[in-house]
Protein backbone atom coordinates (compact mmCIF):
# COMPACT_ATOMS: atom_id res chain seq x y z
CA MET A 1 45.00 -14.34 -6.11
CA ASP A 2 46.30 -14.45 -9.66
CA HIS A 3 47.99 -11.18 -10.23
CA SER A 4 47.01 -11.23 -13.91
CA LEU A 5 43.43 -10.67 -12.52
CA VAL A 6 44.39 -7.34 -11.06
CA THR A 7 43.87 -4.61 -13.62
CA THR A 8 43.48 -0.86 -14.03
CA ASN A 9 40.69 -1.53 -16.52
CA ILE A 10 37.00 -1.59 -15.43
CA GLN A 11 36.58 -5.10 -16.93
CA LEU A 12 38.70 -8.21 -17.72
CA GLU A 13 38.55 -9.48 -21.26
CA GLY A 14 37.36 -13.01 -21.28
CA TYR A 15 35.76 -12.80 -17.87
CA LYS A 16 32.37 -11.68 -16.55
CA VAL A 17 31.82 -10.01 -13.13
CA VAL A 18 29.42 -12.29 -11.14
CA LYS A 19 29.78 -10.43 -7.81
CA ASN A 20 30.94 -6.93 -6.74
CA LEU A 21 32.48 -6.94 -3.35
CA GLY A 22 33.31 -3.26 -3.05
CA VAL A 23 36.41 -1.16 -2.72
CA VAL A 24 39.60 -2.84 -1.22
CA ARG A 25 42.77 -1.03 -0.13
CA GLY A 26 46.23 -1.51 1.16
CA ILE A 27 47.76 1.41 3.04
CA ILE A 28 51.54 1.74 3.98
CA VAL A 29 52.98 4.80 5.84
CA ARG A 30 56.74 5.01 5.51
CA SER A 31 59.42 7.55 6.41
CA ARG A 32 63.01 7.96 5.02
CA SER A 33 65.70 6.97 7.50
CA LEU A 34 68.39 9.28 8.48
CA ILE A 35 71.08 6.97 6.82
CA GLY A 36 68.95 6.71 3.60
CA ASN A 37 68.64 10.48 3.49
CA ILE A 38 72.42 10.83 3.84
CA GLY A 39 73.02 8.22 1.14
CA ALA A 40 70.44 9.77 -1.14
CA GLY A 41 72.09 13.21 -0.54
CA PHE A 42 75.37 11.90 -2.02
CA GLN A 43 73.47 10.61 -5.02
CA ILE A 44 71.63 14.02 -5.43
CA LEU A 45 75.08 15.66 -5.70
CA PHE A 46 75.91 13.64 -8.82
CA GLY A 47 72.39 13.82 -10.36
CA GLY A 48 70.47 11.11 -12.15
CA ASN A 49 68.27 8.44 -10.62
CA ILE A 50 68.29 8.46 -6.85
CA SER A 51 68.33 4.59 -6.49
CA LEU A 52 67.86 4.67 -2.58
CA TYR A 53 64.59 6.52 -2.89
CA THR A 54 63.59 4.49 -6.02
CA GLN A 55 63.98 1.30 -4.01
CA LEU A 56 62.11 2.67 -1.09
CA CYS A 57 59.18 3.65 -3.36
CA GLU A 58 59.05 0.26 -5.16
CA GLN A 59 59.09 -1.55 -1.87
CA THR A 60 56.36 0.64 -0.44
CA ARG A 61 54.10 0.30 -3.57
CA ARG A 62 54.67 -3.48 -3.56
CA ASP A 63 53.68 -3.69 0.13
CA ALA A 64 50.55 -1.66 -0.30
CA TYR A 65 49.63 -3.76 -3.44
CA GLU A 66 50.05 -7.06 -1.40
CA LEU A 67 47.93 -5.61 1.41
CA MET A 68 45.19 -4.71 -1.12
CA ILE A 69 45.25 -8.25 -2.45
CA GLN A 70 45.12 -9.80 1.08
CA HIS A 71 41.95 -7.45 1.82
CA ALA A 72 40.31 -8.64 -1.43
CA GLN A 73 40.96 -12.32 -0.68
CA GLN A 74 39.46 -11.95 2.79
CA LEU A 75 36.29 -10.77 0.99
CA GLY A 76 36.39 -13.77 -1.24
CA ALA A 77 37.37 -11.92 -4.45
CA ASN A 78 39.36 -13.57 -7.23
CA ALA A 79 39.98 -10.31 -9.16
CA ILE A 80 40.51 -6.52 -8.78
CA LEU A 81 39.29 -3.97 -11.14
CA ALA A 82 40.02 -0.25 -11.52
CA PHE A 83 43.29 -0.64 -9.62
CA ARG A 84 45.01 2.49 -8.68
CA TYR A 85 47.86 3.99 -6.50
CA ASP A 86 47.72 7.23 -4.51
CA ALA A 87 50.37 8.93 -2.43
CA THR A 88 50.10 11.68 0.16
CA GLU A 89 52.83 13.29 2.19
CA ILE A 90 51.57 13.33 5.78
CA ALA A 91 54.66 15.10 7.21
CA GLY A 92 58.05 15.95 6.20
CA GLY A 93 59.78 12.77 5.08
CA VAL A 94 56.56 10.65 5.89
CA THR A 95 54.38 9.43 3.03
CA GLU A 96 51.31 7.29 2.75
CA VAL A 97 50.96 5.07 -0.13
CA LEU A 98 47.45 3.72 -0.90
CA ALA A 99 46.80 0.81 -3.44
CA TYR A 100 42.96 0.46 -4.07
CA GLY A 101 40.50 -1.01 -6.49
CA THR A 102 37.28 -2.83 -6.76
CA ALA A 103 37.15 -6.40 -5.54
CA VAL A 104 35.13 -8.81 -7.70
CA VAL A 105 34.41 -12.35 -8.32
CA VAL A 106 34.80 -13.22 -12.04
CA GLU A 107 34.06 -16.21 -14.10
CA LYS A 108 35.45 -17.05 -17.58
CA SER A 109 33.10 -16.02 -20.31
């Protein structure tokens, strides 16, 4: 799938929706490692961006996004509209990241 056809908008300029395939999602559940927590603890002492957690969050979002795209492709979609992320803490140090949107088939207008 062309990643430029994944948007937070409800339409794609220059395209028309010819088929709505429904909601697609990618779900990742991640925990922080003990070593990661120790390293981040040192970063917390000095303030600023906690790069270990930033990297973990970026990778988790990227993985959820790719799973969502795979789900859409399995349905035959070539675009995703109304794309969003959501995150929920399931337990201490365990977080679910959900990427979701509406899988559609689009054609150039």
